[in-house]
Protein backbone atom coordinates (compact mmCIF):
# COMPACT_ATOMS: atom_id res chain seq x y z
CA MET A 1 -180.80 -52.72 -61.03
CA VAL A 2 -180.20 -48.93 -61.16
CA SER A 3 -180.46 -47.12 -64.64
CA PHE A 4 -178.50 -44.00 -65.29
CA ILE A 5 -180.08 -42.14 -68.22
CA ILE A 6 -177.79 -39.34 -69.55
CA VAL A 7 -179.04 -36.80 -72.07
CA GLU A 8 -176.02 -35.58 -74.28
CA TYR A 9 -175.72 -32.71 -76.52
CA ASN A 10 -172.41 -31.82 -77.63
CA SER A 11 -170.85 -32.56 -74.28
CA ILE A 12 -168.76 -35.53 -74.89
CA THR A 13 -165.90 -34.71 -72.54
CA GLU A 14 -168.52 -34.18 -69.67
CA LEU A 15 -170.18 -37.33 -70.47
CA GLU A 16 -167.07 -39.33 -70.37
CA ASN A 17 -166.28 -37.97 -67.04
CA CYS A 18 -169.64 -38.60 -65.73
CA VAL A 19 -169.78 -42.19 -67.02
CA ASN A 20 -166.31 -42.73 -65.24
CA SER A 21 -167.83 -41.56 -61.87
CA ILE A 22 -170.67 -44.03 -62.39
CA ILE A 23 -168.54 -47.10 -63.39
CA SER A 24 -166.09 -46.61 -60.69
CA TYR A 25 -168.76 -46.47 -57.97
CA PRO A 26 -168.08 -49.70 -56.01
CA PRO A 27 -171.56 -50.50 -54.19
CA PHE A 28 -173.47 -50.93 -57.34
CA GLY A 29 -170.92 -53.33 -59.22
CA ASP A 30 -172.58 -54.78 -62.21
CA LYS A 31 -176.16 -54.02 -61.03
CA ILE A 32 -176.19 -50.79 -63.20
CA GLU A 33 -177.10 -49.82 -66.54
CA ILE A 34 -175.84 -46.57 -68.47
CA VAL A 35 -178.08 -45.13 -71.26
CA VAL A 36 -176.92 -42.25 -73.31
CA SER A 37 -179.64 -40.50 -75.31
CA SER A 38 -177.91 -38.08 -77.76
CA ASN A 39 -179.44 -35.13 -79.40
CA SER A 40 -175.91 -34.30 -80.74
CA CYS A 41 -174.68 -34.88 -84.45
CA TYR A 42 -171.66 -32.86 -84.34
CA ASP A 43 -169.03 -35.26 -82.91
CA ARG A 44 -169.96 -38.62 -84.20
CA GLU A 45 -166.33 -39.74 -84.17
CA ARG A 46 -165.82 -39.21 -80.63
CA GLN A 47 -169.08 -41.00 -79.92
CA MET A 48 -167.91 -43.92 -81.98
CA GLN A 49 -164.79 -44.02 -79.87
CA LEU A 50 -166.74 -43.99 -76.76
CA LEU A 51 -168.92 -46.80 -78.03
CA ILE A 52 -165.66 -48.92 -78.37
CA GLU A 53 -164.32 -47.89 -74.99
CA TYR A 54 -167.37 -48.36 -73.17
CA PRO A 55 -169.01 -51.16 -74.71
CA ASN A 56 -171.73 -51.76 -71.90
CA LEU A 57 -173.09 -48.26 -72.46
CA THR A 58 -176.49 -48.31 -74.49
CA TRP A 59 -176.73 -45.61 -76.97
CA VAL A 60 -179.94 -43.83 -78.40
CA PHE A 61 -179.23 -41.33 -81.12
CA ASN A 62 -181.90 -39.23 -81.65
CA GLU A 63 -182.87 -37.89 -85.32
CA SER A 64 -183.24 -34.48 -84.26
CA ASN A 65 -182.77 -32.10 -81.23
CA GLY A 66 -186.23 -32.42 -79.71
CA GLY A 67 -185.16 -30.86 -76.26
CA PHE A 68 -184.21 -32.42 -72.84
CA ALA A 69 -187.50 -34.22 -72.14
CA TYR A 70 -187.63 -35.79 -75.73
CA ALA A 71 -184.25 -37.03 -75.28
CA MET A 72 -184.83 -38.22 -71.90
CA ASN A 73 -188.09 -40.12 -72.69
CA ARG A 74 -186.14 -42.06 -75.45
CA GLY A 75 -183.61 -43.16 -72.95
CA LEU A 76 -186.10 -44.27 -70.37
CA ILE A 77 -188.05 -46.37 -72.91
CA VAL A 78 -184.96 -48.74 -73.36
CA ALA A 79 -184.12 -48.72 -69.59
CA ARG A 80 -184.40 -51.94 -67.52
CA GLY A 81 -183.88 -51.00 -64.03
CA ASP A 82 -185.94 -51.07 -61.04
CA PHE A 83 -184.95 -47.67 -60.22
CA LEU A 84 -184.27 -44.80 -63.04
CA VAL A 85 -182.00 -42.11 -62.76
CA ILE A 86 -182.26 -38.80 -64.80
CA MET A 87 -179.21 -37.03 -65.10
CA ASN A 88 -177.17 -34.53 -66.62
CA PRO A 89 -173.83 -35.21 -68.49
CA ASP A 90 -171.93 -32.47 -65.94
CA VAL A 91 -172.81 -34.52 -62.99
CA ARG A 92 -170.33 -36.35 -60.96
CA LEU A 93 -171.45 -39.07 -58.32
CA ASN A 94 -170.05 -38.85 -54.88
CA THR A 95 -170.64 -41.54 -52.47
CA GLY A 96 -173.92 -43.01 -51.00
CA ILE A 97 -176.07 -43.13 -54.19
CA ASP A 98 -177.01 -46.56 -53.02
CA LYS A 99 -178.57 -45.34 -49.85
CA MET A 100 -181.13 -43.60 -52.09
CA SER A 101 -182.18 -46.67 -53.75
CA ASP A 102 -182.19 -48.45 -50.45
CA TYR A 103 -184.56 -45.69 -48.67
CA MET A 104 -186.95 -45.65 -51.72
CA HIS A 105 -187.31 -49.44 -51.50
CA LYS A 106 -188.33 -49.18 -47.90
CA HIS A 107 -190.66 -46.34 -48.56
CA ASP A 108 -192.83 -47.43 -51.55
CA THR A 109 -194.79 -43.94 -51.22
CA ILE A 110 -192.03 -42.40 -52.89
CA GLY A 111 -191.91 -41.58 -56.52
CA ILE A 112 -188.82 -39.32 -56.90
CA ILE A 113 -185.92 -39.11 -54.51
CA ALA A 114 -182.91 -36.54 -55.03
CA PRO A 115 -179.55 -35.71 -53.30
CA LYS A 116 -178.12 -32.46 -52.24
CA ILE A 117 -176.27 -30.82 -55.11
CA ILE A 118 -173.08 -29.03 -54.70
CA ASN A 119 -170.73 -27.29 -57.02
CA VAL A 120 -167.13 -27.82 -57.43
CA LYS A 121 -166.21 -25.56 -54.75
CA GLY A 122 -168.24 -27.68 -52.34
CA GLU A 123 -171.17 -25.05 -52.13
CA VAL A 124 -174.71 -26.21 -51.60
CA GLN A 125 -176.60 -25.36 -54.71
CA ASP A 126 -180.44 -25.40 -55.27
CA SER A 127 -181.63 -28.90 -54.87
CA PHE A 128 -185.29 -28.62 -54.19
CA ARG A 129 -187.72 -25.71 -54.61
CA ASP A 130 -191.43 -24.87 -53.92
CA PHE A 131 -193.62 -24.98 -57.26
CA ILE A 132 -193.06 -21.48 -58.95
CA THR A 133 -195.59 -18.88 -58.71
CA PRO A 134 -195.15 -15.17 -59.70
CA MET A 135 -194.84 -14.32 -55.95
CA ASN A 136 -192.26 -16.81 -54.91
CA PHE A 137 -190.47 -16.45 -58.18
CA VAL A 138 -189.43 -12.69 -57.21
CA GLU A 139 -189.24 -13.50 -53.61
CA ARG A 140 -186.47 -16.26 -54.36
CA HIS A 141 -184.28 -13.94 -56.55
CA MET A 142 -184.53 -11.36 -54.03
CA LYS A 143 -183.54 -13.54 -51.28
CA ARG A 144 -180.45 -14.59 -53.45
CA ILE A 145 -179.50 -10.96 -54.14
CA LEU A 146 -179.51 -10.24 -50.47
CA GLY A 147 -177.67 -13.33 -49.50
CA TYR A 148 -180.29 -15.34 -47.61
CA LYS A 149 -179.31 -18.73 -47.09
CA GLN A 150 -181.09 -21.64 -49.03
CA ARG A 151 -183.31 -24.18 -47.29
CA ASN A 152 -181.08 -26.79 -49.00
CA GLU A 153 -178.15 -25.66 -46.87
CA LEU A 154 -180.72 -25.71 -43.52
CA THR A 155 -181.98 -29.20 -44.25
CA GLU A 156 -180.22 -32.15 -42.76
CA PHE A 157 -182.78 -35.02 -43.00
CA PRO A 158 -184.93 -36.53 -45.39
CA ILE A 159 -188.23 -34.26 -46.38
CA ASN A 160 -191.01 -34.35 -48.58
CA VAL A 161 -190.87 -31.00 -50.86
CA ASP A 162 -192.67 -29.97 -53.90
CA TRP A 163 -189.98 -30.70 -56.69
CA VAL A 164 -186.40 -31.38 -56.86
CA ILE A 165 -183.79 -30.17 -59.66
CA GLY A 166 -183.69 -32.55 -62.57
CA ALA A 167 -179.92 -32.48 -62.80
CA PHE A 168 -180.27 -35.68 -60.71
CA MET A 169 -183.32 -37.39 -59.82
CA MET A 170 -184.13 -41.22 -58.78
CA ILE A 171 -187.44 -42.49 -60.20
CA SER A 172 -189.10 -45.88 -59.10
CA ARG A 173 -190.11 -48.06 -61.82
CA LYS A 174 -193.69 -47.98 -60.80
CA ALA A 175 -193.88 -44.41 -60.46
CA TYR A 176 -192.35 -43.74 -63.84
CA GLU A 177 -194.91 -46.26 -65.45
CA THR A 178 -197.91 -44.45 -63.72
CA VAL A 179 -196.70 -40.86 -64.82
CA ARG A 180 -195.55 -41.96 -68.29
CA GLY A 181 -192.39 -40.05 -68.66
CA LEU A 182 -191.67 -36.38 -69.26
CA ASP A 183 -193.82 -33.84 -70.99
CA GLU A 184 -192.19 -33.02 -74.39
CA HIS A 185 -193.93 -29.93 -74.77
CA TYR A 186 -191.22 -28.58 -72.85
CA PHE A 187 -188.05 -28.03 -74.95
CA LEU A 188 -185.84 -27.02 -71.85
CA TYR A 189 -186.34 -26.05 -68.16
CA CYS A 190 -189.47 -26.83 -65.93
CA GLU A 191 -189.90 -30.48 -67.46
CA ASP A 192 -188.65 -31.54 -63.88
CA MET A 193 -191.12 -29.43 -62.11
CA ASP A 194 -193.79 -30.98 -64.38
CA LEU A 195 -193.02 -34.40 -63.50
CA CYS A 196 -192.84 -33.63 -59.85
CA LYS A 197 -196.40 -31.88 -60.07
CA ARG A 198 -197.74 -35.18 -61.73
CA MET A 199 -195.92 -37.47 -59.04
CA HIS A 200 -197.87 -35.53 -56.22
CA LEU A 201 -201.18 -35.60 -58.43
CA LYS A 202 -200.68 -39.36 -58.78
CA GLY A 203 -200.28 -39.81 -54.78
CA TYR A 204 -196.33 -40.21 -54.76
CA ASP A 205 -194.01 -38.39 -52.61
CA VAL A 206 -191.05 -36.30 -53.77
CA VAL A 207 -188.33 -36.59 -51.34
CA TYR A 208 -184.92 -34.73 -50.88
CA TYR A 209 -182.36 -36.79 -49.29
CA PRO A 210 -179.35 -34.43 -48.11
CA MET A 211 -177.36 -37.19 -46.62
CA VAL A 212 -176.22 -37.94 -50.25
CA GLU A 213 -174.22 -35.45 -52.41
CA ILE A 214 -173.62 -35.27 -56.09
CA GLU A 215 -171.34 -32.44 -57.81
CA TYR A 216 -172.89 -30.68 -60.53
CA GLU A 217 -171.24 -27.85 -62.69
CA GLY A 218 -174.43 -26.43 -63.95
CA THR A 219 -175.25 -22.73 -64.11
CA ARG A 220 -172.62 -22.33 -67.08
CA SER A 221 -172.51 -18.77 -68.53
CA ALA A 222 -174.30 -19.70 -71.59
CA ARG A 223 -177.42 -20.67 -69.58
CA ARG A 224 -177.52 -17.12 -67.92
CA SER A 225 -177.70 -15.58 -71.45
CA LEU A 226 -180.83 -13.98 -72.45
CA LYS A 227 -181.53 -16.77 -74.99
CA TYR A 228 -181.79 -19.41 -72.18
CA ALA A 229 -183.81 -16.94 -69.81
CA GLY A 230 -186.43 -16.79 -72.61
CA ILE A 231 -186.55 -20.56 -73.03
CA PHE A 232 -187.01 -20.83 -69.34
CA LEU A 233 -189.92 -18.16 -69.32
CA GLN A 234 -191.53 -19.79 -72.18
CA SER A 235 -191.59 -23.25 -70.27
CA LEU A 236 -192.59 -21.62 -67.01
CA PHE A 237 -195.69 -20.02 -68.69
CA ARG A 238 -196.47 -23.41 -70.08
CA TYR A 239 -196.29 -24.82 -66.97
CA TRP A 240 -198.67 -22.17 -65.48
CA ARG A 241 -201.09 -22.65 -68.26
CA LYS A 242 -201.02 -26.49 -67.71
CA PHE A 243 -201.38 -26.28 -63.76
CA GLY A 244 -202.27 -22.92 -62.73
CA ILE A 245 -200.26 -20.09 -61.35
CA TRP A 246 -201.06 -20.82 -57.54
C-alpha cells in the first residue's frame, strides 16, 4: 500500500484537486491511503463537506498550527502504507508514480525517492539540491540570475543526490521508522533537507527519479515575501547549527 500524507493549511480548494489527482490514478486502484493532516481551523464547514464527499480520507485535525513538520509527523503516525508519500496540497500527480515504488522495492538501500518537479507551464523546477552551504547558497542564486540551466533539467536517469524537495517525496516504511519522522524544531523550510541528511547518516540513499513528473504550483508570491524569507533563514541557521555549515 502507498500512503499519501498531505498537510493542509487554508488550502481546501488545492487539497480537493490534489486528492482527485490521486484517486483518479488507475495503477494504484484500491492500494492507496490518503491522510490529510490539517493545521487549519478557518474553513471547518468545507472540511466537513470533504469528509462526506471523500469518506475514505483519513483526517487528522491538529490543535494548533505547529508548522509543516509538526503536522506531517501526525499524519505519518496514522499512515499504514509500506511506502509513505510526503506531499503538498498544490501538487498534481502525473503518470508513473507507481514506477517509483517499484524502483524503491527493487533497491532496498533507498530511503527516499522523488520525481522531477514541473510547474503549470511544464518548466522544470528545483527537484533536488546539494546540502546548502554559505558558498553554494550564493552560487545557486547567482546562476539563477544569470540563467544557467539547473542540473534537474540535464539529468535523465536515476541518480543519488544530497536532498530532494519536500513538495513530493516517497519514503520507505523501514527508513521512516529508522529516522523517526521529521524534526519539528523547523516550523517551515529545511525540514526536507534535514530529513534527507539523517537518511544519509543512517546509510540510506536519496534518489532523484526524473522519468516521473509531478506538477507543483509552488513559489507563490506570498512565499517570496520578507516574512517567508525570514522563516527560511531561521530554519537554515538551525540546520547549520545542527549539522555544520560545510
